[in-house]
Each structure stands twice: as C-alpha cells, then as structure tokens.
N, C-alpha and C. Protein backbone atom coordinates (compact mmCIF):
# COMPACT_ATOMS: atom_id res chain seq x y z
N MET A 1 126.68 116.02 107.26
CA MET A 1 125.26 116.18 106.95
C MET A 1 124.44 115.83 108.19
N PRO A 2 123.47 116.66 108.60
CA PRO A 2 122.65 116.36 109.77
C PRO A 2 121.94 115.02 109.60
N THR A 3 121.77 114.31 110.74
CA THR A 3 121.14 112.98 110.71
C THR A 3 119.74 113.04 110.13
N ARG A 4 118.98 114.07 110.52
CA ARG A 4 117.60 114.17 110.05
C ARG A 4 117.54 114.35 108.53
N THR A 5 118.46 115.16 107.99
CA THR A 5 118.50 115.36 106.53
C THR A 5 118.86 114.07 105.82
N LEU A 6 119.81 113.31 106.39
CA LEU A 6 120.22 112.05 105.80
C LEU A 6 119.06 111.06 105.77
N ILE A 7 118.28 111.01 106.85
CA ILE A 7 117.13 110.10 106.92
C ILE A 7 116.10 110.47 105.86
N CYS A 8 115.86 111.78 105.69
CA CYS A 8 114.90 112.25 104.68
C CYS A 8 115.35 111.86 103.28
N LEU A 9 116.67 112.01 103.01
CA LEU A 9 117.18 111.65 101.69
C LEU A 9 117.07 110.15 101.44
N MET A 10 117.32 109.35 102.47
CA MET A 10 117.19 107.90 102.32
C MET A 10 115.75 107.51 102.07
N ALA A 11 114.82 108.17 102.75
CA ALA A 11 113.40 107.88 102.54
C ALA A 11 112.97 108.25 101.13
N LEU A 12 113.48 109.39 100.65
CA LEU A 12 113.15 109.82 99.29
C LEU A 12 113.71 108.84 98.26
N ALA A 13 114.94 108.37 98.51
CA ALA A 13 115.54 107.41 97.58
C ALA A 13 114.73 106.12 97.53
N ALA A 14 114.25 105.68 98.68
CA ALA A 14 113.43 104.46 98.72
C ALA A 14 112.12 104.67 97.98
N LEU A 15 111.56 105.87 98.12
CA LEU A 15 110.32 106.20 97.44
C LEU A 15 110.50 106.19 95.93
N LEU A 16 111.61 106.76 95.46
CA LEU A 16 111.87 106.80 94.03
C LEU A 16 112.10 105.40 93.48
N LEU A 17 112.71 104.55 94.28
CA LEU A 17 113.00 103.20 93.82
C LEU A 17 111.75 102.37 93.68
N SER A 18 110.85 102.50 94.64
CA SER A 18 109.68 101.62 94.66
C SER A 18 108.45 102.24 94.06
N GLY A 19 108.48 103.55 93.75
CA GLY A 19 107.29 104.20 93.23
C GLY A 19 106.36 104.57 94.36
N CYS A 20 105.29 105.27 94.04
CA CYS A 20 104.33 105.71 95.05
C CYS A 20 103.19 104.72 95.13
N GLY A 21 103.46 103.52 95.68
CA GLY A 21 102.41 102.54 95.79
C GLY A 21 102.30 101.74 94.51
N GLY A 22 101.41 102.15 93.61
CA GLY A 22 101.22 101.43 92.37
C GLY A 22 100.39 100.18 92.55
N ILE A 23 100.07 99.53 91.42
CA ILE A 23 99.30 98.29 91.42
C ILE A 23 100.27 97.12 91.54
N GLN A 24 99.99 96.20 92.45
CA GLN A 24 100.92 95.11 92.72
C GLN A 24 100.38 93.78 92.20
N GLY A 25 101.29 92.91 91.81
CA GLY A 25 100.89 91.61 91.31
C GLY A 25 102.03 90.61 91.36
N GLN A 26 101.75 89.41 90.85
CA GLN A 26 102.73 88.33 90.81
C GLN A 26 102.70 87.70 89.42
N GLY A 27 103.80 87.07 89.02
CA GLY A 27 103.82 86.40 87.73
C GLY A 27 105.12 85.66 87.50
N TYR A 28 105.34 85.33 86.23
CA TYR A 28 106.52 84.55 85.85
C TYR A 28 107.19 85.20 84.65
N LEU A 29 108.50 85.33 84.71
CA LEU A 29 109.27 85.88 83.60
C LEU A 29 109.86 84.74 82.78
N PHE A 30 109.46 84.69 81.50
CA PHE A 30 110.00 83.71 80.56
C PHE A 30 111.05 84.40 79.69
N THR A 31 112.24 83.85 79.64
CA THR A 31 113.29 84.43 78.80
C THR A 31 113.59 83.49 77.63
N GLU A 32 114.12 84.04 76.57
CA GLU A 32 114.43 83.27 75.36
C GLU A 32 115.49 82.21 75.66
N GLY A 33 115.09 80.96 75.51
CA GLY A 33 116.02 79.87 75.79
C GLY A 33 116.40 79.74 77.25
N GLY A 34 115.65 80.41 78.14
CA GLY A 34 115.98 80.38 79.57
C GLY A 34 117.24 81.13 79.93
N LYS A 35 117.74 81.95 78.99
CA LYS A 35 118.99 82.68 79.22
C LYS A 35 118.76 83.94 80.05
N PRO A 36 119.77 84.42 80.78
CA PRO A 36 119.65 85.69 81.51
C PRO A 36 119.38 86.85 80.55
N LEU A 37 118.62 87.81 81.02
CA LEU A 37 118.27 88.98 80.22
C LEU A 37 118.97 90.20 80.81
N ARG A 38 120.00 90.67 80.13
CA ARG A 38 120.78 91.81 80.63
C ARG A 38 120.14 93.11 80.14
N LEU A 39 119.65 93.91 81.08
CA LEU A 39 118.98 95.17 80.73
C LEU A 39 119.97 96.33 80.64
N ASN A 40 120.94 96.34 81.54
CA ASN A 40 122.02 97.34 81.50
C ASN A 40 123.19 96.78 82.30
N ASP A 41 124.17 97.61 82.58
CA ASP A 41 125.37 97.13 83.28
C ASP A 41 125.07 96.69 84.71
N GLU A 42 123.99 97.21 85.29
CA GLU A 42 123.70 96.91 86.70
C GLU A 42 122.65 95.83 86.90
N VAL A 43 121.76 95.64 85.92
CA VAL A 43 120.60 94.76 86.13
C VAL A 43 120.55 93.66 85.08
N THR A 44 120.45 92.43 85.56
CA THR A 44 120.22 91.26 84.70
C THR A 44 119.08 90.45 85.30
N LEU A 45 118.05 90.21 84.51
CA LEU A 45 116.91 89.42 84.96
C LEU A 45 117.09 87.97 84.54
N THR A 46 116.62 87.06 85.39
CA THR A 46 116.67 85.64 85.07
C THR A 46 115.26 85.06 85.09
N GLN A 47 115.09 83.99 84.35
CA GLN A 47 113.77 83.37 84.26
C GLN A 47 113.31 82.88 85.63
N GLY A 48 112.03 83.14 85.93
CA GLY A 48 111.50 82.69 87.20
C GLY A 48 110.37 83.56 87.70
N HIS A 49 109.89 83.24 88.89
CA HIS A 49 108.80 83.98 89.51
C HIS A 49 109.27 85.38 89.92
N MET A 50 108.40 86.37 89.70
CA MET A 50 108.74 87.75 90.05
C MET A 50 107.49 88.47 90.53
N SER A 51 107.71 89.49 91.35
CA SER A 51 106.64 90.39 91.77
C SER A 51 106.63 91.61 90.86
N LEU A 52 105.46 92.19 90.70
CA LEU A 52 105.26 93.31 89.78
C LEU A 52 104.64 94.49 90.50
N VAL A 53 105.12 95.68 90.19
CA VAL A 53 104.49 96.93 90.63
C VAL A 53 104.49 97.86 89.42
N PHE A 54 103.31 98.42 89.11
CA PHE A 54 103.25 99.35 87.98
C PHE A 54 102.11 100.34 88.19
N ASP A 55 102.13 101.40 87.40
CA ASP A 55 101.07 102.41 87.44
C ASP A 55 100.27 102.32 86.15
N ALA A 56 98.96 102.18 86.28
CA ALA A 56 98.10 102.02 85.11
C ALA A 56 97.81 103.35 84.42
N GLU A 57 98.15 104.45 85.06
CA GLU A 57 97.93 105.77 84.48
C GLU A 57 99.20 106.60 84.62
N PRO A 58 99.43 107.51 83.68
CA PRO A 58 100.64 108.35 83.77
C PRO A 58 100.58 109.28 84.96
N GLY A 59 101.73 109.58 85.51
CA GLY A 59 101.82 110.46 86.67
C GLY A 59 103.27 110.83 86.93
N LEU A 60 103.45 111.70 87.93
CA LEU A 60 104.79 112.19 88.24
C LEU A 60 105.74 111.07 88.64
N TRP A 61 105.22 110.05 89.35
CA TRP A 61 106.08 108.99 89.85
C TRP A 61 105.80 107.65 89.17
N SER A 62 105.24 107.65 87.97
CA SER A 62 104.89 106.40 87.30
C SER A 62 106.14 105.56 87.04
N ARG A 63 106.07 104.27 87.42
CA ARG A 63 107.22 103.39 87.28
C ARG A 63 106.76 101.97 86.95
N LEU A 64 107.70 101.19 86.48
CA LEU A 64 107.54 99.75 86.33
C LEU A 64 108.61 99.08 87.18
N ARG A 65 108.18 98.12 87.98
CA ARG A 65 109.14 97.43 88.85
C ARG A 65 108.91 95.92 88.78
N LEU A 66 109.96 95.17 88.58
CA LEU A 66 109.97 93.72 88.65
C LEU A 66 111.04 93.31 89.66
N HIS A 67 110.67 92.45 90.60
CA HIS A 67 111.66 92.11 91.63
C HIS A 67 111.36 90.74 92.23
N ASN A 68 112.39 90.16 92.78
CA ASN A 68 112.30 88.94 93.60
C ASN A 68 113.46 88.95 94.57
N GLU A 69 113.77 87.80 95.16
CA GLU A 69 114.84 87.78 96.17
C GLU A 69 116.22 87.96 95.56
N ARG A 70 116.35 87.85 94.25
CA ARG A 70 117.67 87.95 93.61
C ARG A 70 117.94 89.30 92.96
N VAL A 71 116.91 89.97 92.47
CA VAL A 71 117.10 91.19 91.70
C VAL A 71 115.92 92.13 91.92
N ASP A 72 116.20 93.42 91.80
CA ASP A 72 115.15 94.44 91.94
C ASP A 72 115.33 95.45 90.81
N PHE A 73 114.47 95.36 89.81
CA PHE A 73 114.55 96.24 88.64
C PHE A 73 113.41 97.25 88.67
N SER A 74 113.73 98.53 88.47
CA SER A 74 112.72 99.58 88.46
C SER A 74 113.13 100.64 87.45
N THR A 75 112.15 101.12 86.68
CA THR A 75 112.42 102.16 85.69
C THR A 75 111.24 103.11 85.61
N PRO A 76 111.48 104.41 85.48
CA PRO A 76 110.37 105.36 85.31
C PRO A 76 109.71 105.18 83.95
N VAL A 77 108.42 105.52 83.90
CA VAL A 77 107.65 105.46 82.65
C VAL A 77 107.09 106.85 82.39
N ASN A 78 107.52 107.48 81.31
CA ASN A 78 107.08 108.84 81.04
C ASN A 78 105.65 108.87 80.51
N ASP A 79 105.03 110.04 80.60
CA ASP A 79 103.63 110.19 80.20
C ASP A 79 103.40 109.80 78.75
N GLU A 80 104.35 110.15 77.87
CA GLU A 80 104.18 109.90 76.44
C GLU A 80 104.16 108.42 76.11
N ALA A 81 104.65 107.59 77.01
CA ALA A 81 104.70 106.15 76.73
C ALA A 81 103.33 105.48 76.84
N TYR A 82 102.40 106.12 77.57
CA TYR A 82 101.09 105.51 77.82
C TYR A 82 100.17 105.67 76.62
N ALA A 83 99.40 104.61 76.36
CA ALA A 83 98.35 104.64 75.32
C ALA A 83 97.36 103.53 75.64
N GLY A 84 96.11 103.90 75.92
CA GLY A 84 95.10 102.91 76.25
C GLY A 84 95.47 102.12 77.49
N ASN A 85 95.26 100.81 77.45
CA ASN A 85 95.59 99.95 78.58
C ASN A 85 97.00 99.39 78.43
N GLY A 86 97.97 100.30 78.40
CA GLY A 86 99.34 99.86 78.28
C GLY A 86 100.30 101.01 78.06
N PHE A 87 101.55 100.68 77.91
CA PHE A 87 102.56 101.69 77.57
C PHE A 87 103.69 101.02 76.78
N PHE A 88 104.40 101.84 76.02
CA PHE A 88 105.54 101.37 75.24
C PHE A 88 106.72 102.27 75.57
N LEU A 89 107.73 101.69 76.23
CA LEU A 89 108.90 102.43 76.68
C LEU A 89 110.07 102.09 75.77
N ARG A 90 110.51 103.05 75.00
CA ARG A 90 111.60 102.82 74.05
C ARG A 90 112.95 102.76 74.77
N SER A 91 113.83 101.94 74.26
CA SER A 91 115.15 101.78 74.88
C SER A 91 115.94 103.09 74.85
N GLN A 92 115.76 103.88 73.79
CA GLN A 92 116.49 105.14 73.70
C GLN A 92 116.03 106.15 74.74
N ASP A 93 114.82 105.97 75.26
CA ASP A 93 114.33 106.85 76.32
C ASP A 93 114.70 106.33 77.71
N SER A 94 114.71 105.02 77.87
CA SER A 94 114.96 104.43 79.19
C SER A 94 116.43 104.16 79.47
N GLY A 95 117.25 104.06 78.40
CA GLY A 95 118.65 103.71 78.58
C GLY A 95 118.86 102.22 78.77
N LEU A 96 117.81 101.41 78.55
CA LEU A 96 117.91 99.96 78.69
C LEU A 96 118.25 99.33 77.34
N ALA A 97 118.61 98.07 77.39
CA ALA A 97 119.00 97.37 76.16
C ALA A 97 117.81 96.99 75.30
N TYR A 98 116.60 97.03 75.88
CA TYR A 98 115.42 96.58 75.15
C TYR A 98 114.27 97.58 75.28
N ASP A 99 113.40 97.56 74.27
CA ASP A 99 112.11 98.24 74.40
C ASP A 99 111.24 97.43 75.35
N ILE A 100 110.34 98.12 76.04
CA ILE A 100 109.42 97.44 76.95
C ILE A 100 107.99 97.77 76.54
N ARG A 101 107.21 96.74 76.27
CA ARG A 101 105.80 96.92 75.92
C ARG A 101 104.95 96.23 76.99
N ALA A 102 104.17 97.03 77.71
CA ALA A 102 103.31 96.50 78.76
C ALA A 102 101.85 96.67 78.37
N SER A 103 101.04 95.69 78.68
CA SER A 103 99.60 95.76 78.41
C SER A 103 98.85 95.02 79.50
N TRP A 104 97.62 95.42 79.73
CA TRP A 104 96.80 94.76 80.74
C TRP A 104 95.33 94.81 80.35
N ARG A 105 94.59 93.83 80.84
CA ARG A 105 93.14 93.78 80.62
C ARG A 105 92.47 93.30 81.89
N GLU A 106 91.24 93.70 82.04
CA GLU A 106 90.52 93.39 83.27
C GLU A 106 89.80 92.05 83.15
N GLU A 107 89.96 91.23 84.17
CA GLU A 107 89.22 89.98 84.27
C GLU A 107 88.24 90.11 85.44
N ARG A 108 86.96 90.00 85.13
CA ARG A 108 85.93 90.19 86.15
C ARG A 108 85.68 88.90 86.91
N GLY A 109 85.40 89.08 88.20
CA GLY A 109 85.11 87.95 89.07
C GLY A 109 83.68 87.97 89.57
N LEU A 110 83.49 87.52 90.79
CA LEU A 110 82.16 87.36 91.36
C LEU A 110 81.52 88.69 91.71
N LEU A 111 80.17 88.68 91.68
CA LEU A 111 79.38 89.77 92.23
C LEU A 111 79.13 89.47 93.70
N THR A 112 79.32 90.44 94.56
CA THR A 112 79.10 90.25 95.99
C THR A 112 78.24 91.37 96.54
N GLU A 113 77.58 91.10 97.65
CA GLU A 113 76.84 92.12 98.37
C GLU A 113 77.46 92.24 99.76
N ARG A 114 77.59 93.49 100.21
CA ARG A 114 78.31 93.72 101.46
C ARG A 114 77.58 94.76 102.30
N ASP A 115 77.53 94.50 103.61
CA ASP A 115 76.97 95.46 104.56
C ASP A 115 78.11 96.26 105.18
N ASN A 116 77.99 97.57 105.13
CA ASN A 116 79.00 98.47 105.69
C ASN A 116 78.32 99.58 106.47
N ARG A 117 79.13 100.34 107.15
CA ARG A 117 78.64 101.56 107.81
C ARG A 117 79.38 102.74 107.20
N GLU A 118 78.65 103.83 106.98
CA GLU A 118 79.26 105.03 106.42
C GLU A 118 78.86 106.24 107.23
N ASN A 119 79.65 107.29 107.15
CA ASN A 119 79.36 108.53 107.85
C ASN A 119 78.22 109.27 107.17
N CYS A 120 77.47 110.03 107.96
CA CYS A 120 76.36 110.82 107.43
C CYS A 120 76.09 111.97 108.39
N THR A 121 75.19 112.86 108.03
CA THR A 121 74.76 113.95 108.91
C THR A 121 73.24 113.99 108.91
N THR A 122 72.68 114.40 110.05
CA THR A 122 71.23 114.51 110.18
C THR A 122 70.89 115.53 111.25
N ALA A 123 69.68 116.03 111.20
CA ALA A 123 69.24 117.02 112.20
C ALA A 123 68.94 116.33 113.52
N GLY A 124 69.29 117.01 114.63
CA GLY A 124 69.02 116.46 115.95
C GLY A 124 69.88 117.11 117.00
N TYR A 125 69.86 116.53 118.21
CA TYR A 125 70.65 117.05 119.31
C TYR A 125 71.99 116.32 119.37
N CYS A 126 73.07 117.11 119.46
CA CYS A 126 74.40 116.53 119.54
C CYS A 126 75.36 117.57 120.12
N ARG A 127 76.56 117.13 120.39
CA ARG A 127 77.59 118.01 120.93
C ARG A 127 78.52 118.40 119.79
N LYS A 128 78.65 119.71 119.56
CA LYS A 128 79.49 120.22 118.47
C LYS A 128 80.27 121.43 118.92
N GLN A 129 81.32 121.71 118.20
CA GLN A 129 82.11 122.91 118.46
C GLN A 129 81.51 124.08 117.70
N VAL A 130 81.30 125.19 118.41
CA VAL A 130 80.78 126.41 117.79
C VAL A 130 81.65 127.58 118.22
N ALA A 131 81.54 128.67 117.49
CA ALA A 131 82.30 129.88 117.82
C ALA A 131 81.42 130.82 118.63
N ARG A 132 81.75 131.00 119.86
CA ARG A 132 81.03 131.95 120.72
C ARG A 132 81.72 133.31 120.66
N LEU A 133 80.93 134.35 120.65
CA LEU A 133 81.45 135.71 120.72
C LEU A 133 81.44 136.12 122.19
N VAL A 134 82.64 136.25 122.76
CA VAL A 134 82.78 136.57 124.18
C VAL A 134 83.07 138.06 124.32
N CYS A 135 82.19 138.74 125.04
CA CYS A 135 82.31 140.18 125.27
C CYS A 135 82.28 140.42 126.78
N ASP A 136 83.44 140.69 127.34
CA ASP A 136 83.55 140.82 128.80
C ASP A 136 83.04 139.54 129.45
N ARG A 137 81.92 139.62 130.20
CA ARG A 137 81.41 138.44 130.89
C ARG A 137 80.23 137.80 130.17
N LYS A 138 79.90 138.29 129.00
CA LYS A 138 78.76 137.74 128.25
C LYS A 138 79.27 137.07 126.98
N SER A 139 78.51 136.09 126.52
CA SER A 139 78.86 135.40 125.27
C SER A 139 77.62 135.22 124.42
N TYR A 140 77.84 135.23 123.10
CA TYR A 140 76.72 135.14 122.15
C TYR A 140 77.05 134.10 121.09
N ARG A 141 76.01 133.37 120.69
CA ARG A 141 76.17 132.30 119.71
C ARG A 141 75.88 132.81 118.31
N PRO A 142 76.62 132.32 117.28
CA PRO A 142 76.34 132.73 115.90
C PRO A 142 74.89 132.46 115.51
N GLY A 143 74.35 133.38 114.74
CA GLY A 143 72.97 133.24 114.29
C GLY A 143 71.97 134.00 115.14
N THR A 144 72.43 134.53 116.28
CA THR A 144 71.53 135.30 117.14
C THR A 144 71.69 136.79 116.86
N GLU A 145 70.67 137.53 117.24
CA GLU A 145 70.69 138.98 117.00
C GLU A 145 71.80 139.65 117.78
N ARG A 146 72.01 139.24 119.02
CA ARG A 146 73.06 139.82 119.86
C ARG A 146 74.45 139.59 119.25
N TYR A 147 74.63 138.41 118.66
CA TYR A 147 75.92 138.09 118.05
C TYR A 147 76.24 139.10 116.94
N GLU A 148 75.28 139.37 116.09
CA GLU A 148 75.48 140.31 114.99
C GLU A 148 75.72 141.73 115.50
N GLU A 149 75.02 142.09 116.57
CA GLU A 149 75.16 143.45 117.12
C GLU A 149 76.56 143.70 117.66
N HIS A 150 77.15 142.69 118.29
CA HIS A 150 78.44 142.89 118.98
C HIS A 150 79.63 142.33 118.21
N LEU A 151 79.42 141.85 116.99
CA LEU A 151 80.48 141.18 116.24
C LEU A 151 81.70 142.08 116.02
N ASP A 152 81.49 143.37 115.81
CA ASP A 152 82.58 144.29 115.53
C ASP A 152 83.06 145.07 116.75
N ASP A 153 82.55 144.73 117.92
CA ASP A 153 82.98 145.43 119.13
C ASP A 153 84.45 145.14 119.43
N ALA A 154 85.17 146.16 119.86
CA ALA A 154 86.61 146.02 120.12
C ALA A 154 86.90 145.10 121.29
N ASN A 155 85.99 145.01 122.24
CA ASN A 155 86.23 144.20 123.44
C ASN A 155 85.68 142.78 123.31
N CYS A 156 85.31 142.38 122.09
CA CYS A 156 84.74 141.05 121.87
C CYS A 156 85.71 140.17 121.06
N VAL A 157 85.80 138.91 121.43
CA VAL A 157 86.64 137.95 120.71
C VAL A 157 85.84 136.66 120.50
N GLN A 158 86.16 135.96 119.41
CA GLN A 158 85.50 134.69 119.14
C GLN A 158 86.32 133.54 119.73
N GLU A 159 85.66 132.68 120.46
CA GLU A 159 86.32 131.54 121.08
C GLU A 159 85.55 130.26 120.75
N PRO A 160 86.27 129.19 120.41
CA PRO A 160 85.59 127.91 120.14
C PRO A 160 85.16 127.24 121.44
N VAL A 161 83.94 126.77 121.49
CA VAL A 161 83.42 126.06 122.66
C VAL A 161 82.57 124.89 122.18
N TYR A 162 82.45 123.87 123.02
CA TYR A 162 81.59 122.73 122.71
C TYR A 162 80.27 122.89 123.45
N VAL A 163 79.18 122.71 122.71
CA VAL A 163 77.85 122.82 123.30
C VAL A 163 77.00 121.65 122.83
N THR A 164 76.04 121.28 123.65
CA THR A 164 75.04 120.27 123.26
C THR A 164 73.75 121.00 122.95
N ASP A 165 73.30 120.88 121.71
CA ASP A 165 72.13 121.64 121.26
C ASP A 165 71.55 120.97 120.01
N TYR A 166 70.51 121.57 119.47
CA TYR A 166 69.90 121.06 118.24
C TYR A 166 70.63 121.66 117.04
N PHE A 167 71.12 120.79 116.18
CA PHE A 167 71.83 121.23 114.97
C PHE A 167 71.23 120.54 113.74
N PRO A 168 71.31 121.19 112.58
CA PRO A 168 70.79 120.56 111.36
C PRO A 168 71.74 119.53 110.76
N ASP A 169 72.98 119.48 111.25
CA ASP A 169 73.98 118.61 110.63
C ASP A 169 74.81 117.85 111.67
N CYS A 170 74.14 117.14 112.56
CA CYS A 170 74.86 116.34 113.55
C CYS A 170 75.55 115.15 112.86
N PRO A 171 76.79 114.86 113.22
CA PRO A 171 77.48 113.71 112.61
C PRO A 171 76.90 112.39 113.09
N GLY A 172 76.83 111.44 112.18
CA GLY A 172 76.28 110.14 112.54
C GLY A 172 76.80 109.06 111.61
N THR A 173 76.24 107.87 111.74
CA THR A 173 76.57 106.75 110.86
C THR A 173 75.28 106.04 110.45
N ARG A 174 75.35 105.34 109.34
CA ARG A 174 74.20 104.55 108.90
C ARG A 174 74.71 103.29 108.21
N GLN A 175 73.86 102.29 108.20
CA GLN A 175 74.21 101.04 107.55
C GLN A 175 73.80 101.09 106.08
N VAL A 176 74.69 100.64 105.22
CA VAL A 176 74.41 100.59 103.78
C VAL A 176 74.74 99.19 103.26
N ARG A 177 73.98 98.78 102.27
CA ARG A 177 74.24 97.51 101.61
C ARG A 177 74.61 97.81 100.16
N THR A 178 75.76 97.32 99.73
CA THR A 178 76.26 97.63 98.39
C THR A 178 76.46 96.35 97.58
N ARG A 179 76.39 96.52 96.26
CA ARG A 179 76.73 95.44 95.34
C ARG A 179 78.11 95.75 94.75
N ASN A 180 78.99 94.77 94.79
CA ASN A 180 80.38 94.99 94.37
C ASN A 180 80.81 93.93 93.36
N ARG A 181 81.81 94.30 92.57
CA ARG A 181 82.36 93.37 91.58
C ARG A 181 83.83 93.12 91.88
N GLN A 182 84.19 91.86 92.02
CA GLN A 182 85.60 91.52 92.17
C GLN A 182 86.26 91.49 90.80
N TYR A 183 87.51 91.91 90.75
CA TYR A 183 88.23 91.91 89.48
C TYR A 183 89.73 91.91 89.72
N GLN A 184 90.47 91.60 88.67
CA GLN A 184 91.92 91.72 88.70
C GLN A 184 92.39 92.02 87.28
N LEU A 185 93.62 92.47 87.17
CA LEU A 185 94.20 92.80 85.88
C LEU A 185 95.17 91.70 85.46
N LEU A 186 95.04 91.24 84.23
CA LEU A 186 96.00 90.31 83.65
C LEU A 186 97.04 91.13 82.90
N VAL A 187 98.29 90.99 83.28
CA VAL A 187 99.36 91.87 82.80
C VAL A 187 100.40 91.09 82.00
N GLN A 188 100.82 91.68 80.89
CA GLN A 188 101.92 91.11 80.10
C GLN A 188 102.94 92.20 79.83
N VAL A 189 104.20 91.89 80.08
CA VAL A 189 105.30 92.82 79.82
C VAL A 189 106.27 92.14 78.85
N ASP A 190 106.40 92.71 77.66
CA ASP A 190 107.30 92.16 76.63
C ASP A 190 108.60 92.96 76.58
N PHE A 191 109.71 92.27 76.47
CA PHE A 191 111.01 92.89 76.25
C PHE A 191 111.40 92.63 74.79
N LEU A 192 111.58 93.70 74.02
CA LEU A 192 111.74 93.60 72.57
C LEU A 192 113.09 94.15 72.11
N GLN A 193 113.63 93.53 71.08
CA GLN A 193 114.82 94.08 70.44
C GLN A 193 114.44 95.40 69.75
N PRO A 194 115.16 96.50 70.03
CA PRO A 194 114.82 97.78 69.40
C PRO A 194 114.89 97.70 67.87
N ARG A 195 113.88 98.28 67.24
CA ARG A 195 113.84 98.40 65.78
C ARG A 195 114.00 97.06 65.07
N ALA A 196 113.39 96.02 65.66
CA ALA A 196 113.48 94.69 65.06
C ALA A 196 112.10 94.04 65.08
N GLU A 197 111.68 93.51 63.94
CA GLU A 197 110.40 92.82 63.84
C GLU A 197 110.61 91.35 64.16
N ARG A 198 110.61 91.04 65.46
CA ARG A 198 110.80 89.67 65.88
C ARG A 198 110.10 89.46 67.22
N PRO A 199 109.85 88.20 67.60
CA PRO A 199 109.17 87.94 68.87
C PRO A 199 109.97 88.50 70.05
N PRO A 200 109.30 88.73 71.18
CA PRO A 200 109.99 89.24 72.37
C PRO A 200 111.10 88.30 72.83
N VAL A 201 112.15 88.88 73.37
CA VAL A 201 113.24 88.07 73.93
C VAL A 201 112.91 87.60 75.34
N ALA A 202 111.91 88.24 75.95
CA ALA A 202 111.44 87.83 77.28
C ALA A 202 110.02 88.34 77.46
N VAL A 203 109.23 87.58 78.22
CA VAL A 203 107.84 87.95 78.48
C VAL A 203 107.53 87.70 79.95
N PHE A 204 107.02 88.74 80.61
CA PHE A 204 106.50 88.56 81.96
C PHE A 204 104.99 88.40 81.84
N ASP A 205 104.46 87.32 82.40
CA ASP A 205 103.03 87.03 82.36
C ASP A 205 102.53 86.94 83.80
N GLY A 206 101.62 87.85 84.17
CA GLY A 206 101.19 87.87 85.56
C GLY A 206 99.81 88.43 85.76
N GLN A 207 99.44 88.58 87.00
CA GLN A 207 98.14 89.12 87.35
C GLN A 207 98.25 89.91 88.65
N THR A 208 97.37 90.90 88.80
CA THR A 208 97.40 91.73 89.99
C THR A 208 96.64 91.05 91.12
N ARG A 209 96.80 91.59 92.29
CA ARG A 209 96.04 91.10 93.43
C ARG A 209 94.55 91.37 93.21
N PRO A 210 93.67 90.48 93.68
CA PRO A 210 92.23 90.71 93.52
C PRO A 210 91.80 92.02 94.17
N ARG A 211 90.91 92.72 93.47
CA ARG A 211 90.40 93.99 93.98
C ARG A 211 88.88 93.96 93.90
N GLU A 212 88.26 94.99 94.45
CA GLU A 212 86.80 95.05 94.46
C GLU A 212 86.34 96.46 94.14
N ARG A 213 85.30 96.55 93.30
CA ARG A 213 84.76 97.84 92.88
C ARG A 213 83.28 97.91 93.25
N GLU A 214 82.88 99.01 93.91
CA GLU A 214 81.47 99.20 94.26
C GLU A 214 80.68 99.58 93.02
N LEU A 215 79.60 98.85 92.75
CA LEU A 215 78.76 99.10 91.59
C LEU A 215 77.56 99.97 91.91
N GLU A 216 76.89 99.67 93.03
CA GLU A 216 75.69 100.43 93.38
C GLU A 216 75.37 100.23 94.86
N VAL A 217 74.60 101.18 95.39
CA VAL A 217 74.09 101.10 96.75
C VAL A 217 72.69 100.51 96.69
N LEU A 218 72.49 99.37 97.35
CA LEU A 218 71.20 98.69 97.29
C LEU A 218 70.21 99.25 98.31
N SER A 219 70.70 99.61 99.48
CA SER A 219 69.81 100.15 100.51
C SER A 219 70.61 101.00 101.48
N GLU A 220 69.92 101.94 102.11
CA GLU A 220 70.53 102.82 103.10
C GLU A 220 69.67 102.85 104.35
N GLY A 221 70.30 102.66 105.50
CA GLY A 221 69.57 102.75 106.75
C GLY A 221 69.44 104.20 107.21
N ARG A 222 68.74 104.38 108.32
CA ARG A 222 68.55 105.73 108.86
C ARG A 222 69.84 106.21 109.51
N CYS A 223 70.11 107.50 109.35
CA CYS A 223 71.31 108.09 109.93
C CYS A 223 71.11 108.24 111.44
N LEU A 224 71.98 107.61 112.21
CA LEU A 224 71.90 107.64 113.67
C LEU A 224 73.02 108.52 114.22
N ILE A 225 72.64 109.47 115.05
CA ILE A 225 73.62 110.39 115.64
C ILE A 225 74.57 109.62 116.55
N ARG A 226 75.85 109.95 116.45
CA ARG A 226 76.85 109.28 117.28
C ARG A 226 76.65 109.64 118.75
C-alpha cells in the first residue's frame, strides 16, 4: 500500500475515533459499588476522573467519548437517539452491554463587555484587483463605455490587475463593543441495565469547558480603510 494512502487511512481512523471536534468537558464516573463497568469485550470503564467529548446535535459524525490515561471509549450516536437536550442510545443499537442516557443543561455565568475589531467595507480610495480588458496595446476598465464596446472583440482578453482608485466597497476594519454571556453545559451520562426499571449502574457527572455567546452589539466605530 502506498505510504500516502496509509497515512490518509490512519488519519481517517483517528478522526472516526475522536469525532469531528465536538463539545469537550471534564467530570467523574461513579460506578455501582466502585466496581469496573464492562461495556463490551474490549472496553471496561473504572470509577474515576474522565474527559468527555460529545455532540449536542445529531450529525454524520456524532459520537460520545469518555477517556482518561487508562481507557478510551467512543461510540457513534445515531440521529434517532437525539431528543431535546439529550439522547438515549439503546444497547441493541450500540452493541454495548448497557443503554446510555445522556442529558445536559445550560448554566449561565457572568455578563461581560468586550472590545473587538471586525471586518467591514466602505467607500473610498484603496488598492483592489479588477479585471482589465486588454486589446492589443490598450486596456479598458469594467463599467466604462469602451469596455462594453470591445468586450466581444476576438483580440481582447480579460486580465486581473491591481489598481488604486475610488471604490464603493474598500475593505476595512472597525472597532465594536459587544455584550457577551459566559456559559457552560452540565452533563450527565447514565449507564442503564437494558429493559430494567432500576437506578443506573454508573453515572458520569461533568461539565463542559466555559464558553461565551455574543448577545448584542453595543456600539460600532467608523469603518477605516486598511
């Protein structure tokens, strides 16, 4: 097998194992009586601190992953398993020894105000790329009468060139002040005996890394050409 193909396959395998990013967090896995939790022939979880990766919405690569320095468990989550702020993965669908019920809720944090710079456009003089119509030794700029007259001439070709001129949409930046809300998700993952009305045999209790959501733009400065 060519080396490049092998590298691509290894990268794909790593991608499938870890998911496509996902929401990350930390927590603690509590098992019944502190006993090991055997999910299948290859994976056994033990009580202790674990890292979490999951997808809050269904998608092609949606997965649940629990891992630490001793074990790395990952399983796909199908679209049908999702409902509201959680999912229920049946053992008969996953091939695991237990059903998995995951749920999460948002915990809001502080309100903050932040100054940032954002891209914008404004009218003015700047250097931009335009398409010139080159006909023998003469060239014409789009929007001019000569350009339209010679556009279909056989001896004319369009070439990109950079010019400094007045444009209605020069690229620039401006300062903005925004109000933001810090938040994180509190996550619980229950491992349940299939078709049994009894408490979970194991519970992962954790939280995601703090995140921030923009609520509104408080002020915008003038767009300054770069």
